[in-house]
Protein backbone atom coordinates (compact mmCIF):
# COMPACT_ATOMS: atom_id res chain seq x y z
CA MET A 1 -25.54 0.99 -39.94
CA LYS A 2 -21.77 0.60 -40.09
CA ASN A 3 -21.25 3.42 -37.57
CA VAL A 4 -23.55 1.71 -35.10
CA GLU A 5 -21.62 -1.57 -35.43
CA LYS A 6 -18.32 0.22 -34.89
CA ARG A 7 -19.67 1.90 -31.79
CA TRP A 8 -20.80 -1.42 -30.35
CA LYS A 9 -17.37 -2.92 -30.96
CA VAL A 10 -15.72 -0.01 -29.17
CA VAL A 11 -18.10 -0.37 -26.24
CA GLU A 12 -17.48 -4.11 -26.18
CA VAL A 13 -13.72 -3.69 -26.07
CA GLY A 14 -14.11 -0.94 -23.47
CA SER A 15 -16.25 -3.14 -21.27
CA LYS A 16 -13.63 -5.90 -21.36
CA SER A 17 -10.92 -3.48 -20.35
CA MET A 18 -13.16 -2.06 -17.61
CA LEU A 19 -13.74 -5.57 -16.34
CA ILE A 20 -9.98 -6.20 -16.20
CA ILE A 21 -9.46 -2.91 -14.37
CA ALA A 22 -12.25 -3.78 -11.92
CA ILE A 23 -10.70 -7.18 -11.23
CA VAL A 24 -7.26 -5.61 -10.68
CA VAL A 25 -8.76 -3.03 -8.30
CA LEU A 26 -10.60 -5.78 -6.43
CA VAL A 27 -7.47 -7.92 -6.07
CA ILE A 28 -5.31 -4.99 -4.93
CA SER A 29 -8.03 -3.92 -2.48
CA LEU A 30 -8.16 -7.43 -1.01
CA ILE A 31 -4.35 -7.47 -0.73
CA SER A 32 -4.44 -4.10 1.04
CA ILE A 33 -7.05 -5.40 3.49
CA ALA A 34 -4.84 -8.42 4.21
CA MET A 35 -1.77 -6.21 4.68
CA THR A 36 -3.70 -3.97 7.06
CA TYR A 37 -4.77 -6.97 9.13
CA LEU A 38 -1.23 -8.36 9.19
CA ALA A 39 0.27 -4.98 10.13
CA VAL A 40 -2.14 -4.54 13.03
CA THR A 41 -1.94 -8.07 14.42
CA GLU A 42 1.81 -8.60 14.01
CA LYS A 43 3.80 -8.76 17.25
CA ASN A 44 7.16 -7.94 15.64
CA ILE A 45 7.37 -4.24 14.80
CA LEU A 46 9.76 -4.83 11.89
CA TYR A 47 7.30 -7.10 10.10
CA SER A 48 4.53 -4.63 10.80
CA ILE A 49 6.53 -1.86 9.14
CA ILE A 50 7.17 -4.08 6.12
CA TYR A 51 3.44 -4.80 5.84
CA LEU A 52 2.73 -1.09 6.01
CA SER A 53 5.18 -0.50 3.15
CA PHE A 54 3.39 -3.08 1.03
CA LEU A 55 0.10 -1.45 1.96
CA SER A 56 1.43 1.88 0.74
CA ILE A 57 2.49 0.31 -2.54
CA CYS A 58 -0.99 -1.16 -2.98
CA TYR A 59 -2.55 2.25 -2.39
CA SER A 60 -0.13 3.82 -4.86
CA ILE A 61 -1.19 1.34 -7.52
CA LEU A 62 -4.85 2.10 -6.80
CA TYR A 63 -4.23 5.84 -7.05
CA TYR A 64 -2.51 5.29 -10.39
CA ILE A 65 -5.38 3.16 -11.70
CA PHE A 66 -7.84 5.85 -10.63
CA MET A 67 -5.80 8.31 -12.70
CA ALA A 68 -4.28 10.42 -9.94
CA PRO A 69 -0.59 10.43 -10.95
CA ASP A 70 0.16 13.61 -9.01
CA VAL A 71 -1.05 11.93 -5.82
CA VAL A 72 1.07 8.87 -6.62
CA LEU A 73 4.18 10.99 -7.11
CA ALA A 74 3.70 12.55 -3.68
CA TYR A 75 2.46 9.40 -1.94
CA ILE A 76 5.22 6.95 -2.90
CA PRO A 77 8.21 8.80 -1.41
CA ILE A 78 6.33 9.75 1.73
CA SER A 79 4.43 6.60 2.60
CA ALA A 80 6.51 3.84 1.04
CA VAL A 81 9.96 5.21 1.90
CA LEU A 82 9.95 8.04 4.44
CA LEU A 83 7.30 6.73 6.83
CA PRO A 84 8.91 3.26 7.28
CA LEU A 85 12.34 4.85 7.78
CA ILE A 86 11.01 7.19 10.46
CA THR A 87 9.15 4.34 12.14
CA LEU A 88 12.23 2.12 12.08
CA SER A 89 14.42 4.83 13.57
CA ILE A 90 11.90 5.51 16.34
CA SER A 91 11.59 1.78 16.99
CA ALA A 92 15.37 1.39 17.18
CA LYS A 93 15.69 4.31 19.61
CA THR A 94 12.93 3.06 21.89
CA SER A 95 14.31 -0.47 21.98
CA LYS A 96 17.76 0.90 22.89
CA ARG A 97 16.17 2.98 25.63
CA LYS A 98 14.39 -0.08 27.03
CA VAL A 99 17.67 -2.02 27.11
CA VAL A 100 19.49 0.82 28.87
CA GLU A 101 16.68 1.28 31.41
CA HIS A 102 16.61 -2.45 32.05
CA GLU A 103 20.39 -2.54 32.65
CA HIS A 104 20.18 0.39 35.09
CA ARG A 105 17.42 -1.29 37.09
CA GLU A 106 19.52 -4.41 37.64
CA ASP A 107 22.26 -2.35 39.32
């Protein structure tokens, strides 16, 4: 009888921790949906890139919660650091090109 009671206590504690994990996953998922919406609807490209970085961090946390640390280790440097840097550099080059083209047209 004692073993059965111990098992129920373990299941009870496990269910509380699973509920906390489910709530955390739900909150992070809602934040990632909001960041996706903000990144798509934002007019300023810099803010959009910042939202995408936060979105990548949210996904990294979800991957970690779902016990995929190897994916997290590969995903963080690529999506949270490298992708925004590449996007910023491309954005800076295209905006410089637009300014130069605009100045040449006025002549």
